[in-house]
C-alpha atoms as a PDB file:
ATOM      1  CA  MET A   1     -14.307  -2.714  -2.057  1.00  0.00           C
ATOM      2  CA  GLY A   2     -14.812  -2.129   1.699  1.00  0.00           C
ATOM      3  CA  GLN A   3     -15.980  -4.024   4.670  1.00  0.00           C
ATOM      4  CA  GLU A   4     -19.419  -3.906   6.088  1.00  0.00           C
ATOM      5  CA  ASN A   5     -18.512  -4.514   9.672  1.00  0.00           C
ATOM      6  CA  GLY A   6     -15.418  -2.372   9.366  1.00  0.00           C
ATOM      7  CA  ARG A   7     -14.898   1.311  10.282  1.00  0.00           C
ATOM      8  CA  ASP A   8     -17.242   3.941   8.991  1.00  0.00           C
ATOM      9  CA  GLU A   9     -14.961   5.040   6.267  1.00  0.00           C
ATOM     10  CA  GLU A  10     -14.904   1.392   4.815  1.00  0.00           C
ATOM     11  CA  ARG A  11     -18.690   1.393   4.208  1.00  0.00           C
ATOM     12  CA  PRO A  12     -20.671   0.744   2.075  1.00  0.00           C
ATOM     13  CA  VAL A  13     -19.271  -2.296   0.455  1.00  0.00           C
ATOM     14  CA  HIS A  14     -19.454  -1.715  -3.314  1.00  0.00           C
ATOM     15  CA  ARG A  15     -18.322  -3.270  -6.440  1.00  0.00           C
ATOM     16  CA  VAL A  16     -15.746  -1.499  -8.521  1.00  0.00           C
ATOM     17  CA  LEU A  17     -14.410  -2.244 -12.084  1.00  0.00           C
ATOM     18  CA  ILE A  18     -10.727  -1.236 -12.688  1.00  0.00           C
ATOM     19  CA  ASP A  19      -8.681  -1.449 -15.901  1.00  0.00           C
ATOM     20  CA  PRO A  20      -5.882  -3.982 -15.943  1.00  0.00           C
ATOM     21  CA  PHE A  21      -2.759  -2.838 -14.306  1.00  0.00           C
ATOM     22  CA  ARG A  22       0.663  -4.099 -13.082  1.00  0.00           C
ATOM     23  CA  LEU A  23       1.759  -3.821  -9.399  1.00  0.00           C
ATOM     24  CA  CYS A  24       5.254  -4.345  -8.305  1.00  0.00           C
ATOM     25  CA  ARG A  25       5.694  -7.538  -6.215  1.00  0.00           C
ATOM     26  CA  TYR A  26       7.739  -5.797  -3.646  1.00  0.00           C
ATOM     27  CA  GLN A  27       7.692  -2.504  -1.739  1.00  0.00           C
ATOM     28  CA  VAL A  28      10.445  -0.051  -3.090  1.00  0.00           C
ATOM     29  CA  THR A  29      13.593  -0.971  -1.227  1.00  0.00           C
ATOM     30  CA  ASN A  30      16.538   1.073   0.180  1.00  0.00           C
ATOM     31  CA  ALA A  31      18.638  -0.299  -2.728  1.00  0.00           C
ATOM     32  CA  ASP A  32      16.016   0.899  -5.412  1.00  0.00           C
ATOM     33  CA  TRP A  33      15.768   4.132  -3.787  1.00  0.00           C
ATOM     34  CA  ALA A  34      19.566   4.690  -3.493  1.00  0.00           C
ATOM     35  CA  GLU A  35      19.758   4.659  -7.403  1.00  0.00           C
ATOM     36  CA  PHE A  36      17.508   7.637  -7.433  1.00  0.00           C
ATOM     37  CA  ARG A  37      18.666   9.609  -4.378  1.00  0.00           C
ATOM     38  CA  PRO A  38      21.497   8.765  -2.065  1.00  0.00           C
ATOM     39  CA  ILE A  39      20.481   7.885   1.408  1.00  0.00           C
ATOM     40  CA  ASP A  40      21.977   6.329   4.564  1.00  0.00           C
ATOM     41  CA  PHE A  41      20.350   2.825   5.353  1.00  0.00           C
ATOM     42  CA  ASP A  42      21.039  -0.248   7.433  1.00  0.00           C
ATOM     43  CA  ASP A  43      19.894  -2.821   5.044  1.00  0.00           C
ATOM     44  CA  PRO A  44      19.478  -2.481   1.072  1.00  0.00           C
ATOM     45  CA  GLY A  45      16.601  -5.199   1.107  1.00  0.00           C
ATOM     46  CA  LYS A  46      14.291  -3.307   3.616  1.00  0.00           C
ATOM     47  CA  PRO A  47      11.590  -1.007   2.227  1.00  0.00           C
ATOM     48  CA  VAL A  48      12.536   2.659   1.955  1.00  0.00           C
ATOM     49  CA  THR A  49      10.820   4.687   4.739  1.00  0.00           C
ATOM     50  CA  SER A  50      10.421   8.309   5.818  1.00  0.00           C
ATOM     51  CA  VAL A  51       9.470   9.277   2.240  1.00  0.00           C
ATOM     52  CA  SER A  52       6.728  11.814   1.672  1.00  0.00           C
ATOM     53  CA  TRP A  53       3.946  11.465  -0.839  1.00  0.00           C
ATOM     54  CA  PHE A  54       5.806  13.979  -2.920  1.00  0.00           C
ATOM     55  CA  ASP A  55       9.084  12.011  -2.722  1.00  0.00           C
ATOM     56  CA  SER A  56       7.239   9.022  -3.860  1.00  0.00           C
ATOM     57  CA  VAL A  57       5.709  10.635  -6.929  1.00  0.00           C
ATOM     58  CA  ALA A  58       9.236  12.015  -7.708  1.00  0.00           C
ATOM     59  CA  TYR A  59      10.672   8.550  -7.562  1.00  0.00           C
ATOM     60  CA  CYS A  60       7.830   7.394  -9.931  1.00  0.00           C
ATOM     61  CA  GLU A  61       8.627  10.121 -12.504  1.00  0.00           C
ATOM     62  CA  TRP A  62      12.389   9.312 -12.307  1.00  0.00           C
ATOM     63  CA  LEU A  63      11.655   5.540 -12.798  1.00  0.00           C
ATOM     64  CA  SER A  64       9.342   6.343 -15.631  1.00  0.00           C
ATOM     65  CA  ALA A  65      12.293   7.679 -17.561  1.00  0.00           C
ATOM     66  CA  GLN A  66      14.493   4.821 -16.577  1.00  0.00           C
ATOM     67  CA  TRP A  67      12.005   2.232 -17.720  1.00  0.00           C
ATOM     68  CA  ALA A  68      10.812   4.201 -20.745  1.00  0.00           C
ATOM     69  CA  MET A  69       7.264   3.666 -19.490  1.00  0.00           C
ATOM     70  CA  PRO A  70       4.926   5.427 -17.300  1.00  0.00           C
ATOM     71  CA  VAL A  71       5.065   4.441 -13.496  1.00  0.00           C
ATOM     72  CA  ARG A  72       2.887   5.790 -10.799  1.00  0.00           C
ATOM     73  CA  LEU A  73       1.473   5.224  -7.277  1.00  0.00           C
ATOM     74  CA  PRO A  74      -1.472   2.813  -7.317  1.00  0.00           C
ATOM     75  CA  THR A  75      -5.045   4.028  -6.628  1.00  0.00           C
ATOM     76  CA  GLU A  76      -6.827   2.893  -3.383  1.00  0.00           C
ATOM     77  CA  ALA A  77      -9.037   0.632  -5.563  1.00  0.00           C
ATOM     78  CA  GLU A  78      -6.198  -0.827  -7.303  1.00  0.00           C
ATOM     79  CA  TRP A  79      -4.237  -1.467  -4.065  1.00  0.00           C
ATOM     80  CA  GLU A  80      -7.250  -3.207  -2.377  1.00  0.00           C
ATOM     81  CA  PHE A  81      -7.881  -5.387  -5.342  1.00  0.00           C
ATOM     82  CA  ALA A  82      -4.254  -6.364  -5.369  1.00  0.00           C
ATOM     83  CA  ALA A  83      -4.121  -6.918  -1.604  1.00  0.00           C
ATOM     84  CA  ARG A  84      -7.079  -9.291  -1.734  1.00  0.00           C
ATOM     85  CA  GLY A  85      -5.095 -11.644  -4.071  1.00  0.00           C
ATOM     86  CA  GLY A  86      -8.295 -13.078  -5.561  1.00  0.00           C
ATOM     87  CA  LEU A  87      -9.932 -13.712  -2.251  1.00  0.00           C
ATOM     88  CA  GLU A  88     -13.085 -11.564  -2.518  1.00  0.00           C
ATOM     89  CA  GLN A  89     -14.351  -9.998   0.838  1.00  0.00           C
ATOM     90  CA  ARG A  90     -11.903 -11.878   3.045  1.00  0.00           C
ATOM     91  CA  LEU A  91     -10.304  -9.873   5.686  1.00  0.00           C
ATOM     92  CA  PHE A  92      -6.685 -10.431   4.828  1.00  0.00           C
ATOM     93  CA  PRO A  93      -4.621 -11.367   1.887  1.00  0.00           C
ATOM     94  CA  TRP A  94      -4.546 -15.124   3.155  1.00  0.00           C
ATOM     95  CA  GLY A  95      -8.154 -15.238   4.275  1.00  0.00           C
ATOM     96  CA  ASP A  96     -10.040 -14.728   7.559  1.00  0.00           C
ATOM     97  CA  ASP A  97      -7.467 -16.324   9.957  1.00  0.00           C
ATOM     98  CA  PRO A  98      -6.202 -13.902  12.587  1.00  0.00           C
ATOM     99  CA  VAL A  99      -2.954 -11.920  12.191  1.00  0.00           C
ATOM    100  CA  THR A 100      -1.683 -13.948  15.298  1.00  0.00           C
ATOM    101  CA  SER A 101      -1.829 -17.212  13.157  1.00  0.00           C
ATOM    102  CA  ARG A 102       0.962 -15.907  10.871  1.00  0.00           C
ATOM    103  CA  ALA A 103       4.216 -17.645  11.268  1.00  0.00           C
ATOM    104  CA  ASN A 104       6.386 -15.991  14.062  1.00  0.00           C
ATOM    105  CA  TYR A 105       3.949 -13.022  14.319  1.00  0.00           C
ATOM    106  CA  ALA A 106       4.908 -12.139  17.792  1.00  0.00           C
ATOM    107  CA  GLY A 107       8.658 -12.083  17.147  1.00  0.00           C
ATOM    108  CA  ARG A 108       8.509  -9.957  13.898  1.00  0.00           C
ATOM    109  CA  TRP A 109       9.056  -6.275  13.565  1.00  0.00           C
ATOM    110  CA  GLN A 110      10.821  -5.631  16.908  1.00  0.00           C
ATOM    111  CA  THR A 111      12.899  -2.664  15.807  1.00  0.00           C
ATOM    112  CA  GLY A 112      11.748  -1.708  12.409  1.00  0.00           C
ATOM    113  CA  PRO A 113      10.497  -3.134   8.934  1.00  0.00           C
ATOM    114  CA  GLU A 114      11.682  -6.441   7.597  1.00  0.00           C
ATOM    115  CA  ARG A 115      13.395  -7.158   4.318  1.00  0.00           C
ATOM    116  CA  VAL A 116      10.890  -7.355   1.619  1.00  0.00           C
ATOM    117  CA  GLY A 117       9.640 -10.682   0.356  1.00  0.00           C
ATOM    118  CA  GLU A 118      10.554 -12.832   3.438  1.00  0.00           C
ATOM    119  CA  THR A 119       6.873 -14.198   4.020  1.00  0.00           C
ATOM    120  CA  LEU A 120       4.712 -16.002   1.634  1.00  0.00           C
ATOM    121  CA  PRO A 121       3.089 -14.020  -1.119  1.00  0.00           C
ATOM    122  CA  ASN A 122      -0.586 -13.544  -1.688  1.00  0.00           C
ATOM    123  CA  GLY A 123      -2.584 -15.242  -4.504  1.00  0.00           C
ATOM    124  CA  TYR A 124      -1.462 -12.755  -7.085  1.00  0.00           C
ATOM    125  CA  GLY A 125       2.310 -13.377  -6.108  1.00  0.00           C
ATOM    126  CA  LEU A 126       2.622  -9.878  -4.245  1.00  0.00           C
ATOM    127  CA  PHE A 127       4.590  -9.706  -1.128  1.00  0.00           C
ATOM    128  CA  ASP A 128       3.995  -7.865   2.177  1.00  0.00           C
ATOM    129  CA  MET A 129       0.512  -6.653   1.215  1.00  0.00           C
ATOM    130  CA  CYS A 130      -1.080  -5.216   4.298  1.00  0.00           C
ATOM    131  CA  GLU A 131       2.178  -5.360   6.378  1.00  0.00           C
ATOM    132  CA  ASN A 132       5.578  -3.999   6.918  1.00  0.00           C
ATOM    133  CA  VAL A 133       5.154  -0.404   6.058  1.00  0.00           C
ATOM    134  CA  HIS A 134       2.058   1.793   5.065  1.00  0.00           C
ATOM    135  CA  GLU A 135       2.017   2.416   1.420  1.00  0.00           C
ATOM    136  CA  TRP A 136       1.230   5.648  -0.231  1.00  0.00           C
ATOM    137  CA  CYS A 137      -1.555   5.688  -2.794  1.00  0.00           C
ATOM    138  CA  SER A 138      -2.183   8.302  -5.473  1.00  0.00           C
ATOM    139  CA  ASP A 139      -5.680   9.419  -4.257  1.00  0.00           C
ATOM    140  CA  TRP A 140      -6.697  12.399  -2.110  1.00  0.00           C
ATOM    141  CA  TYR A 141      -8.402  11.058   0.959  1.00  0.00           C
ATOM    142  CA  ASP A 142     -12.106  11.548   1.920  1.00  0.00           C
ATOM    143  CA  PRO A 143     -13.440   9.185   4.741  1.00  0.00           C
ATOM    144  CA  ARG A 144     -16.898   9.397   2.867  1.00  0.00           C
ATOM    145  CA  TYR A 145     -15.504   8.922  -0.630  1.00  0.00           C
ATOM    146  CA  TYR A 146     -17.367   5.580  -0.963  1.00  0.00           C
ATOM    147  CA  ASP A 147     -20.651   7.494  -0.748  1.00  0.00           C
ATOM    148  CA  TYR A 148     -20.093   9.045  -4.119  1.00  0.00           C
ATOM    149  CA  SER A 149     -17.195   7.259  -5.742  1.00  0.00           C
ATOM    150  CA  PRO A 150     -17.566   6.122  -9.407  1.00  0.00           C
ATOM    151  CA  ALA A 151     -18.204   2.443 -10.229  1.00  0.00           C
ATOM    152  CA  GLU A 152     -15.337   2.550 -12.685  1.00  0.00           C
ATOM    153  CA  ASN A 153     -11.815   3.349 -12.096  1.00  0.00           C
ATOM    154  CA  PRO A 154     -12.262   5.418  -8.872  1.00  0.00           C
ATOM    155  CA  ARG A 155      -9.183   7.722  -8.439  1.00  0.00           C
ATOM    156  CA  GLY A 156     -10.255   9.588  -5.216  1.00  0.00           C
ATOM    157  CA  PRO A 157     -11.627  13.043  -4.616  1.00  0.00           C
ATOM    158  CA  GLU A 158     -10.514  16.040  -6.863  1.00  0.00           C
ATOM    159  CA  THR A 159      -8.933  17.789  -3.849  1.00  0.00           C
ATOM    160  CA  GLY A 160      -8.100  17.286  -0.250  1.00  0.00           C
ATOM    161  CA  THR A 161      -5.544  17.880   2.473  1.00  0.00           C
ATOM    162  CA  ARG A 162      -4.427  14.222   3.170  1.00  0.00           C
ATOM    163  CA  ARG A 163      -3.264  11.513   0.782  1.00  0.00           C
ATOM    164  CA  ALA A 164      -4.542   8.067   1.125  1.00  0.00           C
ATOM    165  CA  SER A 165      -2.410   5.186   2.220  1.00  0.00           C
ATOM    166  CA  ARG A 166      -3.069   1.356   2.683  1.00  0.00           C
ATOM    167  CA  GLY A 167      -1.672  -1.561   4.557  1.00  0.00           C
ATOM    168  CA  GLY A 168      -0.321  -2.008   8.060  1.00  0.00           C
ATOM    169  CA  ALA A 169       3.015  -1.048   9.454  1.00  0.00           C
ATOM    170  CA  TRP A 170       5.650  -2.367  11.928  1.00  0.00           C
ATOM    171  CA  ARG A 171       5.045   0.364  14.451  1.00  0.00           C
ATOM    172  CA  HIS A 172       1.459  -0.504  15.290  1.00  0.00           C
ATOM    173  CA  HIS A 173       0.226  -2.849  18.066  1.00  0.00           C
ATOM    174  CA  ILE A 174      -1.631  -4.806  15.416  1.00  0.00           C
ATOM    175  CA  LYS A 175       1.043  -4.842  12.673  1.00  0.00           C
ATOM    176  CA  ILE A 176      -1.060  -6.399   9.848  1.00  0.00           C
ATOM    177  CA  ALA A 177      -3.952  -4.446   8.501  1.00  0.00           C
ATOM    178  CA  ARG A 178      -7.144  -5.862   6.928  1.00  0.00           C
ATOM    179  CA  CYS A 179      -7.475  -5.467   3.149  1.00  0.00           C
ATOM    180  CA  ALA A 180     -10.199  -2.858   3.318  1.00  0.00           C
ATOM    181  CA  ALA A 181      -8.566  -0.752   5.960  1.00  0.00           C
ATOM    182  CA  ARG A 182      -8.067   2.862   4.903  1.00  0.00           C
ATOM    183  CA  SER A 183      -5.540   5.469   6.396  1.00  0.00           C
ATOM    184  CA  SER A 184      -4.208   8.927   5.400  1.00  0.00           C
ATOM    185  CA  ILE A 185      -1.717  11.574   6.226  1.00  0.00           C
ATOM    186  CA  PRO A 186      -0.805  14.913   4.847  1.00  0.00           C
ATOM    187  CA  PRO A 187       1.269  14.409   1.727  1.00  0.00           C
ATOM    188  CA  GLU A 188       4.389  16.255   3.108  1.00  0.00           C
ATOM    189  CA  PHE A 189       4.770  14.084   6.147  1.00  0.00           C
ATOM    190  CA  ARG A 190       7.589  11.600   6.482  1.00  0.00           C
ATOM    191  CA  TYR A 191       7.155   8.848   8.766  1.00  0.00           C
ATOM    192  CA  ALA A 192       9.462   5.882   9.739  1.00  0.00           C
ATOM    193  CA  ASP A 193       6.676   3.286   8.873  1.00  0.00           C
ATOM    194  CA  TYR A 194       5.793   4.841   5.516  1.00  0.00           C
ATOM    195  CA  GLY A 195       6.916   3.483   2.159  1.00  0.00           C
ATOM    196  CA  PHE A 196       5.230   2.608  -1.283  1.00  0.00           C
ATOM    197  CA  ARG A 197       5.292   0.367  -4.269  1.00  0.00           C
ATOM    198  CA  VAL A 198       4.843   1.325  -7.953  1.00  0.00           C
ATOM    199  CA  THR A 199       2.180   0.526 -10.442  1.00  0.00           C
ATOM    200  CA  ALA A 200       1.714   0.901 -14.185  1.00  0.00           C
ATOM    201  CA  ASN A 201      -1.011   0.524 -16.676  1.00  0.00           C
ATOM    202  CA  ILE A 202      -1.114  -2.389 -19.108  1.00  0.00           C
END
């Protein structure tokens, strides 16, 4: 995890062991969310946005009952492992080529997020990792967490005021984040570039 030449909160680079898990191939869409809670949306195939961390957790609890299996938000460690798609210590899910090398990068995300799954997946078959919308993680956020995080199954600090999130978003000048990039906001906030995807233990 981490990036040595990244931001302070991404250091030090350290090896983490995590138990096997499943991660949804796509960000949760408007159509998915509408089965849980009615909303107005312009496209059922776009990721649901403006959901708080608490909203996301409530959806996971509801989906757990629908699927008859526990579903949750991923940890930061799980998310970063999944985003890399098997490319250890590369900047992006596809490698080290700059984001501007992505097909039609300059023409994308003009007014909001795109439909999920419209670009190539990473090496694990996961779509839109590091792009489209920020994705909530389960962890509380501490910028110095890597200084004391456990080597196995890190799940974030015990307490905090902000919840961790990962990935880039359509509203930013640079719209695709590095795999190691960390971010956070208070869990009650709802932003138009925040969404999530779900995970489950194996």
